[in-house]
Amino acid sequence: MNTRNVRTGAGTVLAMLTLSTAYAEEGYDAPADWPSPMAEHNMAMALFDRLEYAVPDKGHEELVWDFQAWYGGDVNRVYLKSEGENVQGDGEDAEFESLELLYSRLIADFWELQGGIGYQGGVFSDDHAERSYGVVGLQGVVPYGIETDVALRVSDEGDVSASLEGEYDLRLTQRFYLQPRTEIAVAGSEVEEFGVGEGLNSVRVGMRLGYEVTRRFAPYVGGYWEKQYGDTADLARHHGDPTEDSGFVAGVRLMF
């Protein structure tokens, strides 16, 4: 290694950095109201990842939504997340499976640590059992581009539950995509009013074929299969509900 060349190169780099700093302090002759290029600028986005009508082989048809919106920058954000359904023909209003307000912080490339509060129950009604809870989650992308959302929840009664969701967009063409999706739910204790037993509650897998009319609007069709296990399945049988089902869905993915 040529030490002289290394020292000369280091001196050149140092001089360039000094000049760059001086130019930065002068603003590069940019207008005075231009923001700093390194500042974190707040933005907002809203997404219906799923807004669909589901037709199961057993039970009632239902309108299902999976929504999230966020406001903030690259590192710090505030999220509003909601998943729920409106079962058709049961005489009851829609139900929030989850409605959560979360603070989120980027802790690694493509990974956000989230925490906040949540609610499960009726949508502006008392048709369903209700509870509030605290939630800690991790949202990000694992290798091969699988979008992942893991959450641990503790209710106001001390009941502990957790969920894992994963999905992947497989590009078939520039506009057509195939999206496999998996949801797994577990609980640490039985909560009969919510139909939840201790242990593994349910597994749901689905597949959707979508077409992006634009990046913000993509209608899709697909299907799903779900099964309940253990104590959760026993509770379903006790109430006369099926423990395994499949069905057809049609919906749209919307981004604002």
Protein backbone atom coordinates (compact mmCIF):
# COMPACT_ATOMS: atom_id res chain seq x y z
CA MET A 1 0.00 0.00 0.00
CA ASN A 2 1.33 3.46 -0.93
CA THR A 3 1.11 5.49 2.31
CA ARG A 4 1.78 8.78 0.56
CA ASN A 5 -1.11 8.34 -1.85
CA VAL A 6 -3.42 7.40 1.02
CA ARG A 7 -2.49 10.53 2.95
CA THR A 8 -2.88 12.70 -0.15
CA GLY A 9 -6.27 11.17 -0.84
CA ALA A 10 -7.38 11.70 2.74
CA GLY A 11 -6.30 15.34 2.53
CA THR A 12 -8.26 15.80 -0.68
CA VAL A 13 -11.37 14.27 0.87
CA LEU A 14 -11.00 16.47 3.94
CA ALA A 15 -10.69 19.57 1.76
CA MET A 16 -13.78 18.58 -0.22
CA LEU A 17 -15.76 18.04 2.98
CA THR A 18 -14.65 21.44 4.28
CA LEU A 19 -15.74 23.14 1.06
CA SER A 20 -19.04 21.23 1.09
CA THR A 21 -19.71 22.36 4.64
CA ALA A 22 -18.96 25.95 3.71
CA TYR A 23 -21.26 25.77 0.71
CA ALA A 24 -23.98 24.16 2.85
CA GLU A 25 -23.76 26.99 5.36
CA GLU A 26 -24.23 29.43 2.50
CA GLY A 27 -27.25 27.43 1.27
CA TYR A 28 -25.80 26.71 -2.21
CA ASP A 29 -27.42 29.98 -3.32
CA ALA A 30 -30.79 28.24 -2.83
CA PRO A 31 -33.87 30.28 -1.89
CA ALA A 32 -34.03 31.03 1.82
CA ASP A 33 -37.36 29.19 2.27
CA TRP A 34 -36.08 25.89 0.83
CA PRO A 35 -36.05 23.10 3.48
CA SER A 36 -32.85 21.30 4.38
CA PRO A 37 -32.31 18.22 2.16
CA MET A 38 -31.56 16.10 5.26
CA ALA A 39 -34.62 17.15 7.27
CA GLU A 40 -37.38 14.62 8.00
CA HIS A 41 -40.56 15.77 6.28
CA ASN A 42 -43.94 14.57 7.52
CA MET A 43 -46.28 12.84 5.09
CA ALA A 44 -49.58 10.97 5.27
CA MET A 45 -51.03 7.87 3.60
CA ALA A 46 -54.19 5.77 3.92
CA LEU A 47 -54.67 2.24 2.58
CA PHE A 48 -57.52 -0.23 2.37
CA ASP A 49 -55.42 -3.35 1.86
CA ARG A 50 -58.65 -5.33 1.79
CA LEU A 51 -62.15 -3.98 1.22
CA GLU A 52 -64.06 -7.08 0.15
CA TYR A 53 -67.32 -8.99 0.10
CA ALA A 54 -66.89 -12.56 1.31
CA VAL A 55 -69.21 -15.43 0.41
CA PRO A 56 -68.46 -18.43 2.67
CA ASP A 57 -69.55 -22.00 2.03
CA LYS A 58 -71.12 -21.98 5.50
CA GLY A 59 -72.62 -19.13 7.45
CA HIS A 60 -73.53 -15.61 6.37
CA GLU A 61 -72.00 -13.39 3.73
CA GLU A 62 -69.96 -10.50 5.14
CA LEU A 63 -68.30 -7.23 4.26
CA VAL A 64 -64.67 -7.21 5.46
CA TRP A 65 -62.16 -4.39 5.75
CA ASP A 66 -58.46 -4.12 6.60
CA PHE A 67 -57.42 -0.47 6.84
CA GLN A 68 -54.42 1.51 8.00
CA ALA A 69 -53.38 5.14 7.84
CA TRP A 70 -50.22 6.84 9.05
CA TYR A 71 -48.78 10.30 9.48
CA GLY A 72 -45.12 11.13 10.06
CA GLY A 73 -41.67 10.79 8.57
CA ASP A 74 -39.23 7.98 7.83
CA VAL A 75 -38.42 7.33 11.51
CA ASN A 76 -41.40 8.40 13.63
CA ARG A 77 -45.04 7.85 12.70
CA VAL A 78 -48.52 7.62 14.16
CA TYR A 79 -50.73 4.79 12.84
CA LEU A 80 -54.46 4.19 12.86
CA LYS A 81 -55.28 0.55 12.08
CA SER A 82 -58.63 -1.16 11.80
CA GLU A 83 -59.87 -4.63 10.86
CA GLY A 84 -63.50 -5.66 11.02
CA GLU A 85 -66.55 -7.13 9.40
CA ASN A 86 -70.25 -6.62 8.92
CA VAL A 87 -72.01 -9.98 8.78
CA GLN A 88 -75.00 -9.79 6.45
CA GLY A 89 -78.39 -10.97 7.68
CA ASP A 90 -77.53 -11.43 11.37
CA GLY A 91 -79.44 -8.35 12.50
CA GLU A 92 -76.38 -6.82 14.14
CA ASP A 93 -74.17 -3.86 13.27
CA ALA A 94 -70.57 -4.08 12.11
CA GLU A 95 -67.82 -5.20 14.49
CA PHE A 96 -64.28 -3.96 14.98
CA GLU A 97 -62.01 -6.98 15.33
CA SER A 98 -59.39 -4.36 16.13
CA LEU A 99 -59.20 -0.56 16.14
CA GLU A 100 -55.76 0.65 17.18
CA LEU A 101 -53.93 3.94 17.64
CA LEU A 102 -50.17 3.33 17.58
CA TYR A 103 -46.88 5.18 17.84
CA SER A 104 -44.31 3.67 15.49
CA ARG A 105 -40.53 4.05 15.32
CA LEU A 106 -38.14 2.70 12.72
CA ILE A 107 -35.65 0.46 14.55
CA ALA A 108 -33.95 -1.26 11.58
CA ASP A 109 -34.11 -1.28 7.80
CA PHE A 110 -37.73 -2.06 6.85
CA TRP A 111 -38.81 -2.71 10.47
CA GLU A 112 -41.00 -0.59 12.75
CA LEU A 113 -41.62 -1.12 16.47
CA GLN A 114 -45.16 -0.09 17.37
CA GLY A 115 -47.09 0.41 20.58
CA GLY A 116 -50.39 1.89 21.64
CA ILE A 117 -53.99 1.19 22.59
CA GLY A 118 -56.82 -0.68 20.92
CA TYR A 119 -60.52 -1.52 21.03
CA GLN A 120 -62.56 -4.56 20.03
CA GLY A 121 -66.35 -4.48 19.83
CA GLY A 122 -69.28 -2.97 17.98
CA VAL A 123 -69.00 -0.08 15.55
CA PHE A 124 -70.88 2.71 17.37
CA SER A 125 -73.22 0.11 18.87
CA ASP A 126 -73.49 -2.35 21.77
CA ASP A 127 -74.39 -5.37 19.63
CA HIS A 128 -71.08 -7.09 20.43
CA ALA A 129 -68.95 -7.73 23.49
CA GLU A 130 -66.41 -4.97 24.05
CA ARG A 131 -62.92 -4.66 25.47
CA SER A 132 -59.94 -2.32 25.32
CA TYR A 133 -56.31 -3.39 25.33
CA GLY A 134 -52.70 -2.35 25.07
CA VAL A 135 -50.69 -3.55 22.09
CA VAL A 136 -47.02 -3.91 21.13
CA GLY A 137 -46.19 -4.91 17.58
CA LEU A 138 -43.52 -5.29 14.95
CA GLN A 139 -44.25 -4.46 11.32
CA GLY A 140 -41.87 -4.93 8.43
CA VAL A 141 -40.62 -7.00 5.52
CA VAL A 142 -38.79 -10.31 5.90
CA PRO A 143 -36.51 -11.71 3.17
CA TYR A 144 -38.16 -12.35 -0.21
CA GLY A 145 -40.46 -9.36 0.32
CA ILE A 146 -43.02 -10.95 2.67
CA GLU A 147 -44.87 -8.16 4.49
CA THR A 148 -45.27 -9.14 8.14
CA ASP A 149 -47.27 -7.76 11.05
CA VAL A 150 -46.86 -9.31 14.53
CA ALA A 151 -48.82 -8.01 17.53
CA LEU A 152 -49.06 -8.86 21.24
CA ARG A 153 -52.17 -7.59 23.06
CA VAL A 154 -53.08 -7.41 26.75
CA SER A 155 -56.72 -6.53 27.53
CA ASP A 156 -58.04 -4.44 30.40
CA GLU A 157 -58.95 -7.74 32.08
CA GLY A 158 -55.40 -9.09 31.73
CA ASP A 159 -56.15 -11.47 28.85
CA VAL A 160 -53.17 -12.00 26.56
CA SER A 161 -53.40 -12.74 22.84
CA ALA A 162 -51.16 -12.50 19.80
CA SER A 163 -51.50 -12.51 16.02
CA LEU A 164 -49.27 -12.98 13.01
CA GLU A 165 -50.15 -11.79 9.50
CA GLY A 166 -48.09 -12.22 6.38
CA GLU A 167 -48.68 -11.48 2.70
CA TYR A 168 -46.68 -11.34 -0.50
CA ASP A 169 -47.36 -9.74 -3.87
CA LEU A 170 -46.20 -12.03 -6.66
CA ARG A 171 -45.98 -10.03 -9.89
CA LEU A 172 -47.40 -11.86 -12.91
CA THR A 173 -47.27 -8.84 -15.25
CA GLN A 174 -46.86 -5.10 -14.75
CA ARG A 175 -50.51 -4.92 -13.65
CA PHE A 176 -51.58 -8.42 -12.57
CA TYR A 177 -50.41 -9.76 -9.21
CA LEU A 178 -51.11 -12.83 -7.09
CA GLN A 179 -51.23 -12.32 -3.32
CA PRO A 180 -51.03 -15.25 -0.89
CA ARG A 181 -51.95 -14.29 2.68
CA THR A 182 -51.80 -16.02 6.08
CA GLU A 183 -53.26 -15.09 9.47
CA ILE A 184 -52.57 -16.97 12.73
CA ALA A 185 -54.17 -16.14 16.10
CA VAL A 186 -53.28 -17.47 19.57
CA ALA A 187 -54.43 -16.61 23.10
CA GLY A 188 -53.11 -17.16 26.61
CA SER A 189 -56.52 -17.60 28.23
CA GLU A 190 -60.12 -18.38 27.39
CA VAL A 191 -62.52 -15.46 26.80
CA GLU A 192 -65.87 -17.04 25.98
CA GLU A 193 -67.74 -13.84 25.08
CA PHE A 194 -65.27 -13.33 22.20
CA GLY A 195 -65.26 -16.99 21.20
CA VAL A 196 -61.57 -17.30 22.08
CA GLY A 197 -60.00 -20.33 23.74
CA GLU A 198 -56.58 -20.88 25.24
CA GLY A 199 -53.77 -21.85 22.83
CA LEU A 200 -53.90 -21.80 19.05
CA ASN A 201 -57.18 -20.15 18.03
CA SER A 202 -57.28 -20.17 14.25
CA VAL A 203 -55.37 -20.29 10.97
CA ARG A 204 -56.61 -18.56 7.84
CA VAL A 205 -54.96 -18.70 4.42
CA GLY A 206 -56.09 -16.98 1.26
CA MET A 207 -55.14 -16.17 -2.30
CA ARG A 208 -56.14 -13.11 -4.31
CA LEU A 209 -55.66 -12.24 -7.97
CA GLY A 210 -55.57 -8.49 -8.47
CA TYR A 211 -55.29 -6.07 -11.35
CA GLU A 212 -53.78 -2.62 -10.79
CA VAL A 213 -55.81 -0.18 -12.83
CA THR A 214 -53.49 2.36 -11.20
CA ARG A 215 -51.06 1.98 -8.29
CA ARG A 216 -53.82 3.36 -6.07
CA PHE A 217 -56.75 1.28 -7.31
CA ALA A 218 -56.66 -2.49 -7.72
CA PRO A 219 -59.79 -4.70 -7.83
CA TYR A 220 -59.31 -8.39 -7.05
CA VAL A 221 -61.01 -11.77 -6.67
CA GLY A 222 -59.88 -14.72 -4.59
CA GLY A 223 -60.65 -17.37 -2.04
CA TYR A 224 -59.78 -18.42 1.49
CA TRP A 225 -59.75 -21.34 3.90
CA GLU A 226 -59.85 -21.09 7.69
CA LYS A 227 -59.93 -23.50 10.60
CA GLN A 228 -60.33 -23.14 14.35
CA TYR A 229 -58.45 -25.31 16.82
CA GLY A 230 -58.52 -26.52 20.41
CA ASP A 231 -60.67 -24.69 22.94
CA THR A 232 -61.71 -22.12 20.32
CA ALA A 233 -63.14 -24.90 18.15
CA ASP A 234 -64.97 -26.32 21.20
CA LEU A 235 -66.58 -22.94 21.87
CA ALA A 236 -67.66 -22.68 18.22
CA ARG A 237 -69.28 -26.13 18.36
CA HIS A 238 -71.05 -25.19 21.59
CA HIS A 239 -72.65 -22.20 19.86
CA GLY A 240 -73.48 -24.18 16.73
CA ASP A 241 -70.89 -22.45 14.53
CA PRO A 242 -68.63 -24.22 12.01
CA THR A 243 -64.99 -24.82 12.95
CA GLU A 244 -63.76 -24.99 9.36
CA ASP A 245 -64.84 -22.97 6.35
CA SER A 246 -63.79 -21.71 2.93
CA GLY A 247 -65.22 -19.15 0.57
CA PHE A 248 -64.96 -16.69 -2.28
CA VAL A 249 -64.08 -12.98 -2.03
CA ALA A 250 -64.27 -10.01 -4.38
CA GLY A 251 -62.98 -6.61 -3.44
CA VAL A 252 -60.64 -3.72 -4.08
CA ARG A 253 -57.37 -2.36 -2.69
CA LEU A 254 -57.41 1.44 -2.36
CA MET A 255 -54.60 3.83 -1.54
CA PHE A 256 -55.04 7.53 -0.75
